[in-house]
N, C-alpha and C. Protein backbone atom coordinates (compact mmCIF):
# COMPACT_ATOMS: atom_id res chain seq x y z
N MET A 1 -17.67 31.01 -68.45
CA MET A 1 -17.65 30.37 -69.53
C MET A 1 -18.60 31.75 -70.65
N GLU A 2 -17.56 32.00 -72.29
CA GLU A 2 -18.20 33.04 -72.70
C GLU A 2 -19.37 32.42 -74.19
N ILE A 3 -20.61 32.94 -74.43
CA ILE A 3 -21.44 32.37 -75.19
C ILE A 3 -21.23 33.34 -75.90
N SER A 4 -21.44 32.63 -77.19
CA SER A 4 -21.14 33.39 -79.06
C SER A 4 -22.83 34.51 -78.93
N LEU A 5 -22.22 35.15 -79.91
CA LEU A 5 -23.67 35.72 -80.13
C LEU A 5 -24.17 34.61 -81.54
N GLU A 6 -23.42 34.31 -82.12
CA GLU A 6 -24.23 33.14 -83.28
C GLU A 6 -24.91 31.91 -82.48
N ALA A 7 -24.36 31.68 -81.53
CA ALA A 7 -24.94 30.75 -80.78
C ALA A 7 -26.31 30.84 -79.93
N ILE A 8 -26.10 32.45 -79.60
CA ILE A 8 -27.69 32.75 -79.01
C ILE A 8 -28.30 32.88 -80.03
N ASP A 9 -28.19 33.57 -81.41
CA ASP A 9 -28.79 33.91 -82.77
C ASP A 9 -29.53 32.68 -82.99
N GLN A 10 -29.04 31.95 -82.71
CA GLN A 10 -29.59 29.86 -83.33
C GLN A 10 -30.35 29.93 -82.82
N LEU A 11 -30.27 29.55 -81.01
CA LEU A 11 -31.31 29.43 -80.57
C LEU A 11 -32.41 30.21 -80.20
N ARG A 12 -32.29 31.38 -80.70
CA ARG A 12 -33.40 32.42 -80.26
C ARG A 12 -34.08 32.34 -81.70
N MET A 13 -33.94 31.51 -82.35
CA MET A 13 -34.44 31.58 -83.71
C MET A 13 -35.32 30.21 -84.12
N ARG A 14 -34.57 29.13 -83.61
CA ARG A 14 -34.98 27.81 -83.42
C ARG A 14 -36.01 27.91 -82.70
N ALA A 15 -36.26 28.33 -81.08
CA ALA A 15 -36.65 27.88 -79.97
C ALA A 15 -37.85 29.25 -79.98
N ASN A 16 -37.46 30.52 -81.31
CA ASN A 16 -38.48 31.80 -80.69
C ASN A 16 -38.73 31.82 -79.73
N ILE A 17 -37.48 32.29 -78.95
CA ILE A 17 -37.18 33.06 -77.42
C ILE A 17 -36.80 34.59 -77.30
N SER A 18 -36.36 34.87 -76.24
CA SER A 18 -35.71 36.90 -76.61
C SER A 18 -34.57 36.37 -75.98
N TYR A 19 -33.12 37.05 -76.59
CA TYR A 19 -32.12 37.03 -76.39
C TYR A 19 -31.52 36.94 -74.73
N ARG A 20 -32.52 37.52 -74.04
CA ARG A 20 -32.16 37.48 -72.45
C ARG A 20 -32.44 35.87 -72.77
N GLU A 21 -33.46 34.85 -72.58
CA GLU A 21 -33.64 33.36 -72.25
C GLU A 21 -32.99 32.70 -73.12
N ALA A 22 -32.39 32.92 -74.37
CA ALA A 22 -31.40 31.89 -75.31
C ALA A 22 -29.77 32.24 -74.36
N LYS A 23 -29.44 33.50 -73.89
CA LYS A 23 -28.25 33.51 -73.28
C LYS A 23 -28.31 32.36 -72.11
N GLU A 24 -29.79 33.26 -71.20
CA GLU A 24 -29.86 32.46 -69.86
C GLU A 24 -29.31 30.79 -69.97
N LEU A 25 -30.19 30.39 -71.39
CA LEU A 25 -30.45 28.71 -71.23
C LEU A 25 -29.27 28.69 -71.85
N LEU A 26 -28.47 28.92 -72.46
CA LEU A 26 -27.44 28.62 -72.90
C LEU A 26 -25.88 28.26 -71.48
N GLU A 27 -26.03 29.35 -71.11
CA GLU A 27 -25.10 29.61 -69.73
C GLU A 27 -25.51 28.40 -69.32
N GLU A 28 -26.94 27.95 -68.68
CA GLU A 28 -27.26 26.75 -67.74
C GLU A 28 -26.49 25.42 -68.45
N THR A 29 -26.75 25.31 -70.21
CA THR A 29 -26.31 24.31 -70.39
C THR A 29 -24.88 24.30 -70.94
N GLY A 30 -24.42 25.07 -71.01
CA GLY A 30 -22.45 25.09 -70.96
C GLY A 30 -22.25 25.35 -72.36
N GLY A 31 -23.18 26.14 -72.43
CA GLY A 31 -22.83 26.78 -73.91
C GLY A 31 -23.54 25.86 -75.31
N ASP A 32 -23.96 24.78 -74.85
CA ASP A 32 -24.27 23.30 -75.64
C ASP A 32 -26.20 23.96 -76.13
N LEU A 33 -25.62 24.38 -77.65
CA LEU A 33 -26.82 24.43 -78.39
C LEU A 33 -27.79 23.23 -78.33
N ILE A 34 -27.17 22.13 -78.58
CA ILE A 34 -28.25 21.57 -78.84
C ILE A 34 -28.93 20.59 -77.46
N GLU A 35 -28.56 20.76 -76.25
CA GLU A 35 -28.95 20.51 -75.39
C GLU A 35 -30.03 21.50 -74.56
N ALA A 36 -29.53 22.19 -75.43
CA ALA A 36 -30.32 23.87 -74.95
C ALA A 36 -31.42 23.62 -75.29
N LEU A 37 -31.92 22.82 -76.40
CA LEU A 37 -33.12 22.61 -77.66
C LEU A 37 -34.01 21.11 -77.01
N VAL A 38 -32.90 20.74 -76.32
CA VAL A 38 -33.09 19.56 -75.87
C VAL A 38 -34.14 19.76 -74.23
N TYR A 39 -33.76 20.50 -73.82
CA TYR A 39 -34.23 20.98 -72.47
C TYR A 39 -35.29 21.41 -72.87
N LEU A 40 -35.64 22.76 -74.12
CA LEU A 40 -37.19 23.38 -74.36
C LEU A 40 -37.93 22.67 -74.12
N GLU A 41 -37.27 21.39 -75.06
CA GLU A 41 -38.20 20.67 -76.10
C GLU A 41 -39.12 19.62 -75.14
N GLU A 42 -38.48 19.21 -73.84
CA GLU A 42 -39.09 18.40 -72.54
C GLU A 42 -39.60 19.54 -71.57
N ASN A 43 -39.29 20.65 -71.56
CA ASN A 43 -40.27 21.54 -70.62
C ASN A 43 -41.69 22.27 -71.82
N SER A 44 -41.35 22.42 -73.40
CA SER A 44 -42.53 22.68 -73.36
C SER A 44 -43.85 21.46 -73.82
N LYS A 45 -43.40 19.85 -73.75
CA LYS A 45 -43.97 19.01 -72.96
C LYS A 45 -45.24 19.07 -72.10
N ASP A 46 -43.85 19.69 -71.15
CA ASP A 46 -44.45 19.35 -69.77
C ASP A 46 -45.54 20.49 -69.68
N THR A 47 -45.04 21.70 -70.23
CA THR A 47 -46.26 22.72 -70.10
C THR A 47 -47.65 22.47 -71.05
N LEU A 48 -47.54 21.97 -71.81
CA LEU A 48 -48.61 21.66 -72.82
C LEU A 48 -49.96 20.77 -72.14
N HIS A 49 -48.38 19.38 -71.60
CA HIS A 49 -49.76 18.57 -70.77
C HIS A 49 -50.12 19.34 -69.93
N SER A 50 -49.87 20.03 -69.04
CA SER A 50 -50.47 20.93 -67.90
C SER A 50 -51.36 21.41 -68.40
N PHE A 51 -51.35 22.37 -69.57
CA PHE A 51 -52.48 23.29 -69.83
C PHE A 51 -53.44 22.17 -70.69
N SER A 52 -53.38 20.95 -70.72
CA SER A 52 -54.32 19.96 -71.57
C SER A 52 -54.87 19.51 -70.30
N GLU A 53 -54.55 19.17 -68.69
CA GLU A 53 -55.03 18.50 -68.15
C GLU A 53 -55.71 19.56 -67.32
N LYS A 54 -55.25 20.85 -66.99
CA LYS A 54 -56.20 22.27 -66.82
C LYS A 54 -57.28 22.36 -67.66
N GLY A 55 -57.47 22.41 -68.98
CA GLY A 55 -58.68 22.11 -70.36
C GLY A 55 -59.54 21.34 -69.78
N LYS A 56 -59.50 20.23 -69.62
CA LYS A 56 -60.00 18.83 -69.05
C LYS A 56 -60.62 19.18 -67.87
N ASP A 57 -60.04 19.50 -66.83
CA ASP A 57 -60.58 19.87 -65.53
C ASP A 57 -62.11 21.04 -66.05
N PHE A 58 -61.23 21.99 -66.57
CA PHE A 58 -62.16 23.46 -66.63
C PHE A 58 -63.50 23.25 -67.23
N LEU A 59 -63.43 21.83 -68.21
CA LEU A 59 -64.55 21.49 -69.29
C LEU A 59 -65.33 20.80 -68.33
N THR A 60 -64.65 19.92 -67.37
CA THR A 60 -65.68 18.78 -66.76
C THR A 60 -66.63 20.00 -65.68
N ARG A 61 -65.65 21.02 -64.72
CA ARG A 61 -66.15 21.49 -63.73
C ARG A 61 -67.43 22.28 -65.06
N ALA A 62 -67.29 22.76 -65.97
CA ALA A 62 -68.20 23.39 -66.45
C ALA A 62 -69.81 22.89 -67.09
N ARG A 63 -69.44 21.52 -67.66
CA ARG A 63 -70.48 20.72 -67.47
C ARG A 63 -71.37 20.53 -66.05
N GLN A 64 -70.93 20.65 -64.89
CA GLN A 64 -71.09 20.38 -63.90
C GLN A 64 -71.84 21.36 -63.34
N VAL A 65 -71.34 22.48 -63.76
CA VAL A 65 -72.28 23.99 -63.26
C VAL A 65 -73.55 23.91 -64.41
N ALA A 66 -73.33 23.62 -65.73
CA ALA A 66 -73.95 23.83 -66.42
C ALA A 66 -75.63 22.92 -66.13
N GLY A 67 -74.87 21.41 -65.58
CA GLY A 67 -76.03 20.51 -65.38
C GLY A 67 -76.98 20.93 -63.93
N GLU A 68 -75.91 21.46 -63.30
CA GLU A 68 -76.77 22.03 -61.96
C GLU A 68 -77.51 23.60 -62.02
N LEU A 69 -77.33 24.24 -63.30
CA LEU A 69 -78.03 25.46 -63.50
C LEU A 69 -79.49 24.88 -64.23
N HIS A 70 -78.87 23.76 -65.43
CA HIS A 70 -80.55 23.35 -65.80
C HIS A 70 -81.41 22.86 -65.42
N ARG A 71 -81.03 22.54 -64.03
CA ARG A 71 -82.24 21.83 -63.08
C ARG A 71 -82.50 22.32 -62.48
N GLN A 72 -82.26 23.70 -62.00
CA GLN A 72 -82.93 24.67 -61.50
C GLN A 72 -83.79 25.40 -62.76
N LYS A 73 -84.94 25.68 -62.14
CA LYS A 73 -86.26 26.56 -63.45
C LYS A 73 -86.12 27.84 -62.41
N VAL A 74 -86.86 28.42 -63.93
CA VAL A 74 -87.56 29.91 -63.48
C VAL A 74 -89.13 29.67 -63.84
N LYS A 75 -89.91 30.32 -62.71
CA LYS A 75 -91.12 30.50 -62.87
C LYS A 75 -91.80 31.95 -62.79
N ILE A 76 -92.47 32.10 -63.66
CA ILE A 76 -93.16 33.04 -64.28
C ILE A 76 -94.40 33.17 -63.77
N LYS A 77 -94.87 34.22 -62.35
CA LYS A 77 -96.59 34.41 -62.18
C LYS A 77 -96.81 35.50 -62.62
N LEU A 78 -97.75 35.28 -62.46
CA LEU A 78 -98.89 36.20 -62.76
C LEU A 78 -100.62 36.30 -61.26
N LYS A 79 -100.33 36.76 -60.17
CA LYS A 79 -101.47 36.36 -59.75
C LYS A 79 -101.52 34.75 -59.12
N GLU A 80 -100.66 34.67 -58.56
CA GLU A 80 -100.32 33.36 -58.29
C GLU A 80 -100.40 32.22 -59.05
N LYS A 81 -100.69 32.81 -60.73
CA LYS A 81 -100.90 31.85 -61.65
C LYS A 81 -99.55 31.65 -62.12
N THR A 82 -98.74 30.23 -62.10
CA THR A 82 -97.74 29.95 -62.89
C THR A 82 -98.43 30.16 -64.64
N LEU A 83 -97.62 30.81 -64.95
CA LEU A 83 -97.62 31.71 -66.70
C LEU A 83 -96.82 30.57 -67.89
N ALA A 84 -95.76 30.33 -66.95
CA ALA A 84 -94.50 29.52 -67.83
C ALA A 84 -93.38 28.61 -66.23
N GLU A 85 -93.16 28.01 -66.80
CA GLU A 85 -91.28 27.41 -65.92
C GLU A 85 -90.55 26.66 -66.84
N ILE A 86 -89.56 27.65 -66.96
CA ILE A 86 -88.11 27.27 -67.42
C ILE A 86 -87.26 26.85 -67.31
N PRO A 87 -86.24 26.35 -67.57
CA PRO A 87 -84.72 25.77 -66.77
C PRO A 87 -84.25 27.16 -67.30
N VAL A 88 -83.33 27.35 -65.85
CA VAL A 88 -82.10 28.57 -66.10
C VAL A 88 -81.28 29.21 -67.01
N THR A 89 -81.12 27.40 -68.02
CA THR A 89 -80.17 28.29 -69.13
C THR A 89 -80.90 28.20 -70.03
N VAL A 90 -81.93 28.17 -70.15
CA VAL A 90 -82.94 28.25 -71.41
C VAL A 90 -83.53 29.44 -71.23
N GLY A 91 -83.79 30.45 -69.95
CA GLY A 91 -83.67 31.39 -69.96
C GLY A 91 -82.91 32.44 -70.27
N ALA A 92 -81.63 32.14 -69.34
CA ALA A 92 -80.53 32.63 -69.99
C ALA A 92 -79.98 33.01 -70.99
N ILE A 93 -80.29 31.68 -71.77
CA ILE A 93 -79.47 31.82 -73.55
C ILE A 93 -80.69 32.25 -74.26
N GLY A 94 -81.69 33.00 -74.13
CA GLY A 94 -82.76 33.34 -74.73
C GLY A 94 -82.84 35.27 -74.11
N ALA A 95 -82.51 34.92 -72.80
CA ALA A 95 -82.10 36.73 -72.39
C ALA A 95 -80.72 37.27 -73.30
N ALA A 96 -79.63 36.86 -73.46
CA ALA A 96 -78.76 37.11 -74.45
C ALA A 96 -78.95 36.98 -75.35
N LEU A 97 -79.94 36.20 -76.00
CA LEU A 97 -80.00 36.17 -77.60
C LEU A 97 -81.17 37.31 -77.98
N PHE A 98 -82.36 37.54 -77.39
CA PHE A 98 -82.73 38.78 -77.29
C PHE A 98 -82.70 39.68 -76.10
N PRO A 99 -82.12 40.78 -75.97
CA PRO A 99 -82.07 41.23 -74.28
C PRO A 99 -83.02 42.05 -74.62
N LYS A 100 -83.61 42.89 -75.69
CA LYS A 100 -84.91 43.85 -75.76
C LYS A 100 -85.53 43.15 -75.36
N LEU A 101 -86.25 41.98 -76.13
CA LEU A 101 -87.49 41.50 -75.82
C LEU A 101 -87.52 41.22 -74.11
N ALA A 102 -86.18 40.14 -73.43
CA ALA A 102 -86.62 40.11 -72.57
C ALA A 102 -86.89 41.32 -71.89
N ALA A 103 -86.00 42.34 -72.01
CA ALA A 103 -86.52 43.73 -70.93
C ALA A 103 -88.13 43.89 -71.02
N LEU A 104 -87.78 44.07 -71.77
CA LEU A 104 -89.63 43.83 -72.19
C LEU A 104 -90.54 43.21 -71.48
N GLY A 105 -90.35 41.90 -71.46
CA GLY A 105 -91.09 41.21 -70.92
C GLY A 105 -91.27 41.71 -69.23
N VAL A 106 -90.36 41.19 -68.51
CA VAL A 106 -89.65 41.66 -67.45
C VAL A 106 -90.62 43.26 -66.68
N ILE A 107 -90.31 43.80 -67.76
CA ILE A 107 -91.11 45.57 -67.50
C ILE A 107 -92.74 45.72 -67.68
N GLY A 108 -93.15 44.39 -68.69
CA GLY A 108 -94.42 43.92 -68.71
C GLY A 108 -94.96 43.44 -67.47
N LEU A 109 -94.50 42.49 -66.96
CA LEU A 109 -94.27 41.74 -65.70
C LEU A 109 -93.96 42.11 -64.62
N MET A 110 -93.83 43.24 -64.50
CA MET A 110 -93.94 44.29 -63.68
C MET A 110 -95.32 45.21 -63.84
N VAL A 111 -95.24 45.77 -64.50
CA VAL A 111 -96.64 46.42 -65.14
C VAL A 111 -97.52 45.64 -64.27
N ALA A 112 -97.93 44.40 -64.34
CA ALA A 112 -98.87 43.30 -64.48
C ALA A 112 -98.92 42.96 -63.41
N HIS A 113 -97.86 43.17 -61.77
CA HIS A 113 -97.36 42.68 -60.53
C HIS A 113 -97.25 41.47 -60.25
N GLY A 114 -96.81 40.79 -61.40
CA GLY A 114 -96.25 39.29 -61.48
C GLY A 114 -94.99 39.92 -61.01
N SER A 115 -94.67 38.31 -61.04
CA SER A 115 -93.29 37.74 -60.29
C SER A 115 -92.51 36.51 -61.04
N ILE A 116 -91.00 36.72 -60.60
CA ILE A 116 -90.16 35.75 -60.96
C ILE A 116 -89.08 35.15 -60.39
N GLU A 117 -89.78 33.63 -60.34
CA GLU A 117 -89.16 32.97 -59.19
C GLU A 117 -87.76 31.87 -59.92
N VAL A 118 -87.07 31.86 -58.94
CA VAL A 118 -85.64 30.92 -59.81
C VAL A 118 -86.16 30.06 -58.63
N ASN A 119 -86.51 28.80 -58.33
CA ASN A 119 -86.54 27.25 -57.72
C ASN A 119 -85.46 26.35 -58.30
N ASP A 120 -84.45 25.75 -57.05
CA ASP A 120 -84.03 24.19 -57.75
C ASP A 120 -85.05 22.80 -57.56
N GLN A 121 -84.55 22.91 -58.77
CA GLN A 121 -85.79 21.34 -58.48
C GLN A 121 -85.55 20.63 -57.51
N LYS A 122 -84.53 19.90 -57.47
CA LYS A 122 -84.04 19.03 -55.93
C LYS A 122 -85.11 20.04 -54.57
N SER A 123 -85.01 21.13 -54.55
CA SER A 123 -85.65 21.47 -53.07
C SER A 123 -86.91 22.04 -53.38
N ALA A 124 -87.36 22.31 -55.02
CA ALA A 124 -88.72 22.36 -54.64
C ALA A 124 -89.56 21.10 -54.65
N SER A 125 -88.76 20.00 -55.29
CA SER A 125 -90.02 18.83 -55.29
C SER A 125 -89.44 18.34 -53.46
N ALA A 126 -88.36 18.63 -52.58
CA ALA A 126 -87.95 18.64 -51.42
C ALA A 126 -89.76 19.12 -50.75
N ASP A 127 -89.96 20.53 -50.77
CA ASP A 127 -90.96 21.49 -50.51
C ASP A 127 -92.21 21.00 -51.14
N ASP A 128 -92.39 20.53 -51.89
CA ASP A 128 -93.67 19.67 -51.98
C ASP A 128 -94.55 18.13 -51.32
N GLU A 129 -93.33 17.73 -51.36
CA GLU A 129 -92.73 16.83 -50.43
C GLU A 129 -93.68 16.89 -48.95
N THR A 130 -92.99 18.21 -48.46
CA THR A 130 -92.58 18.35 -47.25
C THR A 130 -94.28 18.66 -46.96
N GLY A 131 -94.77 19.46 -47.68
CA GLY A 131 -96.29 20.94 -47.83
C GLY A 131 -97.29 19.77 -47.98
N ASN A 132 -97.07 18.56 -48.47
CA ASN A 132 -98.23 17.01 -48.55
C ASN A 132 -98.15 16.15 -47.46
N ARG A 133 -97.06 16.13 -47.31
CA ARG A 133 -97.01 15.33 -45.55
C ARG A 133 -98.05 16.48 -44.36
N ALA A 134 -97.79 17.81 -44.25
CA ALA A 134 -98.66 18.97 -43.44
C ALA A 134 -99.67 19.04 -43.90
N GLY A 135 -99.93 18.96 -45.23
CA GLY A 135 -101.07 18.74 -45.11
C GLY A 135 -102.22 17.59 -44.75
N ASP A 136 -101.73 16.31 -44.67
CA ASP A 136 -102.02 15.07 -44.90
C ASP A 136 -101.87 14.93 -42.90
N ASP A 137 -101.46 15.99 -42.12
CA ASP A 137 -101.80 15.83 -41.03
C ASP A 137 -103.35 15.91 -40.36
């Protein structure tokens, strides 16, 4: 079947697709312009639905990761004395917003022989319970 250039041009302008895509689609639909437009419309809905579902899955996973990171704590210690204990997310945001200040703080801590520890809140509470039980014996 011979597909006219006018039909390809019309489909191309209406659907914002390339000449090749328009020609192939018209060949699949037997040269019927309306059928080709309906086909594109149905497929674009499936694509939008797929993107929407992937977006929701991504946001759900991002919320889970953010929640897990927020439960983890950063302890800043100087000679076994805890100077500060903050959530990892707060530390990361602070370091991103004020990188020079964060670098100076780390350098100062290194000079003073301090340390930075990252602890998961769940494992830290489990360690405390285990330590208390061992001390009670």
